[in-house]
Amino acid sequence: MIFPVGDENVVGGAKPYVTYTFIGLNVLVFLYSISLGNNIGEFYQAYATIPFQIMEGNGWISLLTNIFLHGGLMHIAGNMLFLWIFSDNVEAVLGNIWFIIFYLAGGIFASLAHVAFNQSSMIPSLGASGALSAVMGAYLVFFPKSKIKVLVIYIFRNVYISALYFLGLWFIVQVISSLWDSNDPNSPGTAWWAHIGGFLFGLLVALVLKKLQIIEPKSFYKRA
């Protein structure tokens, strides 16, 4: 098993105030949700995305609110770790305000992708991973040569992998997992299509920004 523990941080650009704010908001919402005890199910029903309800024209706000909800300690810990590693560099390039818009739009698009492939599901979908996937897609475009610090559990050592290989492999795993996962739309599990949709959203937006020379990430290649 491997998982990222750090990356090369860029010098210059916007400070990651929004990234830290989003992490704080996710943690606060999670603490609030677990304080509800047995009423947490009603909370998820109200603010998590339920594909069937969306297809019926209800609960549209959940396409946004679900990206601040998490179903357990490991769920939020994993997502916040990825957010902490990848978001600061992307925010440095986009700027604080545009990063807010990008992150929320990526989360909504990811939620819609999940709904599109699970239209009859009554299972609530929640988590920051869709929006985070959009960040990772943009990161791949802006910083393909950045070194991702990865902890390899089996050998208890850190190794460095280029973002191109790490994120490329991550995306391939999401696609394969979506094909292998259960065909039952009411079977709980990982929202693979939210990951795929979010990643493609971030990838395409970043490519457009580079193509139009609106963003020039080379100016941020000097790293601390």
Protein backbone atom coordinates (compact mmCIF):
# COMPACT_ATOMS: atom_id res chain seq x y z
CA MET A 1 0.00 0.00 0.00
CA ILE A 2 1.22 3.50 -0.85
CA PHE A 3 -0.18 6.95 -0.20
CA PRO A 4 1.15 10.51 -0.68
CA VAL A 5 2.54 12.44 2.27
CA GLY A 6 3.89 15.56 0.55
CA ASP A 7 4.98 17.31 -2.62
CA GLU A 8 7.20 20.12 -3.88
CA ASN A 9 5.62 23.43 -2.93
CA VAL A 10 5.90 26.30 -5.38
CA VAL A 11 7.38 29.68 -4.47
CA GLY A 12 5.22 32.71 -5.16
CA GLY A 13 1.60 33.06 -6.15
CA ALA A 14 -1.39 33.21 -3.86
CA LYS A 15 -1.06 31.93 -0.32
CA PRO A 16 -3.22 28.84 0.30
CA TYR A 17 -5.70 30.59 2.59
CA VAL A 18 -8.69 29.07 0.79
CA THR A 19 -7.21 25.57 0.99
CA TYR A 20 -6.78 25.91 4.75
CA THR A 21 -10.29 27.35 5.05
CA PHE A 22 -11.81 24.44 3.15
CA ILE A 23 -9.93 21.98 5.36
CA GLY A 24 -11.25 23.77 8.44
CA LEU A 25 -14.82 23.81 7.12
CA ASN A 26 -14.72 20.10 6.34
CA VAL A 27 -13.43 19.30 9.82
CA LEU A 28 -16.07 21.49 11.50
CA VAL A 29 -18.91 19.96 9.48
CA PHE A 30 -17.61 16.48 10.28
CA LEU A 31 -17.46 17.24 14.02
CA TYR A 32 -20.98 18.63 13.86
CA SER A 33 -22.26 15.57 12.00
CA ILE A 34 -20.88 13.09 14.53
CA SER A 35 -22.36 15.18 17.34
CA LEU A 36 -25.82 14.40 15.93
CA GLY A 37 -25.61 10.79 17.07
CA ASN A 38 -28.54 8.76 15.78
CA ASN A 39 -29.81 11.76 13.80
CA ILE A 40 -26.83 11.74 11.48
CA GLY A 41 -28.78 9.71 8.91
CA GLU A 42 -31.33 12.50 8.56
CA PHE A 43 -28.48 14.99 8.13
CA TYR A 44 -27.02 12.93 5.27
CA GLN A 45 -30.45 12.52 3.69
CA ALA A 46 -30.86 16.29 3.67
CA TYR A 47 -27.42 17.38 2.46
CA ALA A 48 -25.79 14.42 0.69
CA THR A 49 -26.48 13.84 -3.01
CA ILE A 50 -29.08 11.15 -3.74
CA PRO A 51 -29.07 10.52 -7.52
CA PHE A 52 -32.71 9.41 -7.71
CA GLN A 53 -33.86 12.62 -6.02
CA ILE A 54 -31.76 14.74 -8.36
CA MET A 55 -33.27 12.98 -11.37
CA GLU A 56 -36.71 13.75 -9.90
CA GLY A 57 -35.77 17.43 -9.76
CA ASN A 58 -35.25 17.62 -6.00
CA GLY A 59 -32.31 18.35 -3.71
CA TRP A 60 -30.18 20.30 -6.17
CA ILE A 61 -28.38 22.12 -3.36
CA SER A 62 -26.92 18.76 -2.31
CA LEU A 63 -24.71 18.80 -5.42
CA LEU A 64 -22.75 21.45 -3.54
CA THR A 65 -23.31 20.63 0.12
CA ASN A 66 -22.25 17.00 -0.20
CA ILE A 67 -18.63 17.99 -0.87
CA PHE A 68 -18.34 19.15 2.74
CA LEU A 69 -19.69 15.92 4.26
CA HIS A 70 -17.79 12.76 5.23
CA GLY A 71 -18.87 9.36 6.40
CA GLY A 72 -16.13 8.52 8.88
CA LEU A 73 -12.75 9.43 10.34
CA MET A 74 -10.71 7.62 7.67
CA HIS A 75 -12.85 9.17 4.94
CA ILE A 76 -12.20 12.75 6.02
CA ALA A 77 -8.57 12.08 7.00
CA GLY A 78 -7.73 10.71 3.56
CA ASN A 79 -9.50 13.51 1.70
CA MET A 80 -7.98 16.27 3.83
CA LEU A 81 -4.51 14.78 3.37
CA PHE A 82 -4.91 14.91 -0.41
CA LEU A 83 -6.38 18.41 -0.20
CA TRP A 84 -3.46 19.63 1.90
CA ILE A 85 -0.91 18.13 -0.50
CA PHE A 86 -2.32 19.14 -3.88
CA SER A 87 -4.49 22.23 -3.40
CA ASP A 88 -1.91 24.79 -2.27
CA ASN A 89 0.03 24.68 -5.55
CA VAL A 90 -3.13 24.94 -7.64
CA GLU A 91 -4.40 27.82 -5.51
CA ALA A 92 -1.02 29.56 -5.94
CA VAL A 93 -1.54 29.48 -9.71
CA LEU A 94 -5.26 30.30 -9.88
CA GLY A 95 -5.39 32.84 -7.06
CA ASN A 96 -7.66 32.71 -4.03
CA ILE A 97 -10.96 33.82 -5.56
CA TRP A 98 -10.66 31.81 -8.76
CA PHE A 99 -9.62 28.77 -6.74
CA ILE A 100 -12.87 28.99 -4.73
CA ILE A 101 -14.89 29.06 -7.95
CA PHE A 102 -12.84 26.25 -9.50
CA TYR A 103 -13.06 24.00 -6.44
CA LEU A 104 -16.82 24.39 -5.98
CA ALA A 105 -17.52 24.05 -9.72
CA GLY A 106 -15.36 20.91 -9.82
CA GLY A 107 -17.28 19.45 -6.90
CA ILE A 108 -20.64 20.14 -8.53
CA PHE A 109 -19.51 18.68 -11.86
CA ALA A 110 -18.20 15.59 -10.07
CA SER A 111 -21.54 15.19 -8.27
CA LEU A 112 -23.39 15.43 -11.58
CA ALA A 113 -21.10 12.80 -13.10
CA HIS A 114 -21.97 10.45 -10.23
CA VAL A 115 -25.67 11.11 -10.71
CA ALA A 116 -25.43 10.52 -14.47
CA PHE A 117 -24.05 7.01 -13.97
CA ASN A 118 -26.22 6.09 -10.96
CA GLN A 119 -29.56 7.64 -11.82
CA SER A 120 -31.76 5.23 -9.87
CA SER A 121 -29.59 5.05 -6.76
CA MET A 122 -31.10 5.99 -3.40
CA ILE A 123 -27.72 5.83 -1.64
CA PRO A 124 -26.50 9.24 -0.38
CA SER A 125 -23.20 10.29 -1.95
CA LEU A 126 -20.90 12.53 0.04
CA GLY A 127 -17.28 13.62 0.38
CA ALA A 128 -14.76 16.15 -0.88
CA SER A 129 -13.13 13.66 -3.24
CA GLY A 130 -14.98 14.92 -6.34
CA ALA A 131 -13.79 18.50 -5.87
CA LEU A 132 -10.40 17.19 -4.82
CA SER A 133 -10.21 15.14 -8.01
CA ALA A 134 -10.69 18.36 -9.99
CA VAL A 135 -7.75 19.86 -8.12
CA MET A 136 -5.64 16.80 -8.94
CA GLY A 137 -6.55 17.07 -12.62
CA ALA A 138 -5.40 20.70 -12.68
CA TYR A 139 -2.27 19.79 -10.72
CA LEU A 140 -1.33 17.25 -13.39
CA VAL A 141 -1.51 19.93 -16.09
CA PHE A 142 0.24 22.68 -14.14
CA PHE A 143 2.92 20.62 -12.40
CA PRO A 144 3.51 17.31 -14.23
CA LYS A 145 7.18 17.23 -13.19
CA SER A 146 6.54 17.96 -9.54
CA LYS A 147 7.76 15.23 -7.21
CA ILE A 148 5.16 13.59 -5.02
CA LYS A 149 6.49 12.17 -1.75
CA VAL A 150 4.92 8.74 -1.28
CA LEU A 151 5.06 6.50 1.78
CA VAL A 152 5.42 2.82 0.88
CA ILE A 153 3.95 0.89 3.80
CA TYR A 154 5.52 -2.46 2.88
CA ILE A 155 9.08 -1.14 3.16
CA PHE A 156 8.39 1.75 5.56
CA ARG A 157 10.20 4.20 3.30
CA ASN A 158 9.39 7.36 1.40
CA VAL A 159 9.95 7.48 -2.35
CA TYR A 160 9.49 10.30 -4.83
CA ILE A 161 7.30 9.90 -7.93
CA SER A 162 6.59 12.50 -10.59
CA ALA A 163 3.07 13.91 -10.54
CA LEU A 164 2.60 12.69 -14.11
CA TYR A 165 3.06 9.04 -13.06
CA PHE A 166 1.36 9.27 -9.67
CA LEU A 167 -1.77 11.07 -10.85
CA GLY A 168 -1.88 9.17 -14.13
CA LEU A 169 -1.83 5.88 -12.24
CA TRP A 170 -4.41 7.20 -9.77
CA PHE A 171 -6.79 8.04 -12.61
CA ILE A 172 -6.33 4.64 -14.26
CA VAL A 173 -7.18 2.97 -10.93
CA GLN A 174 -10.40 5.02 -10.72
CA VAL A 175 -11.47 3.97 -14.22
CA ILE A 176 -10.69 0.29 -13.63
CA SER A 177 -12.44 0.37 -10.26
CA SER A 178 -15.56 1.93 -11.79
CA LEU A 179 -15.72 -0.95 -14.28
CA TRP A 180 -15.18 -3.63 -11.66
CA ASP A 181 -17.54 -2.19 -9.08
CA SER A 182 -21.00 -3.59 -8.47
CA ASN A 183 -23.65 -2.96 -11.11
CA ASP A 184 -26.25 -2.54 -8.36
CA PRO A 185 -26.95 1.22 -8.13
CA ASN A 186 -28.16 0.80 -4.56
CA SER A 187 -25.01 -0.91 -3.40
CA PRO A 188 -22.96 1.36 -1.11
CA GLY A 189 -19.37 1.94 -2.11
CA THR A 190 -17.03 4.50 -3.61
CA ALA A 191 -18.39 7.11 -6.03
CA TRP A 192 -15.84 6.32 -8.73
CA TRP A 193 -17.58 8.40 -11.37
CA ALA A 194 -17.40 11.47 -9.15
CA HIS A 195 -13.63 10.96 -9.05
CA ILE A 196 -13.42 10.48 -12.81
CA GLY A 197 -15.73 13.39 -13.61
CA GLY A 198 -13.98 15.75 -11.22
CA PHE A 199 -10.54 14.82 -12.53
CA LEU A 200 -11.56 15.34 -16.17
CA PHE A 201 -13.14 18.69 -15.26
CA GLY A 202 -9.93 19.92 -13.62
CA LEU A 203 -7.79 18.55 -16.42
CA LEU A 204 -9.82 20.26 -19.17
CA VAL A 205 -10.13 23.59 -17.36
CA ALA A 206 -6.38 23.69 -16.72
CA LEU A 207 -5.60 22.78 -20.33
CA VAL A 208 -7.85 25.59 -21.59
CA LEU A 209 -6.23 28.10 -19.23
CA LYS A 210 -2.77 27.08 -20.47
CA LYS A 211 -3.80 27.05 -24.12
CA LEU A 212 -5.24 30.55 -23.90
CA GLN A 213 -2.17 31.62 -21.90
CA ILE A 214 -4.42 32.87 -19.13
CA ILE A 215 -2.29 30.87 -16.71
CA GLU A 216 1.45 30.39 -17.10
CA PRO A 217 2.47 27.87 -14.40
CA LYS A 218 6.14 27.89 -15.54
CA SER A 219 6.58 31.03 -13.46
CA PHE A 220 5.83 28.89 -10.42
CA TYR A 221 8.25 26.05 -11.19
CA LYS A 222 10.82 27.28 -8.69
CA ARG A 223 10.08 25.27 -5.57
CA ALA A 224 10.92 25.45 -1.88
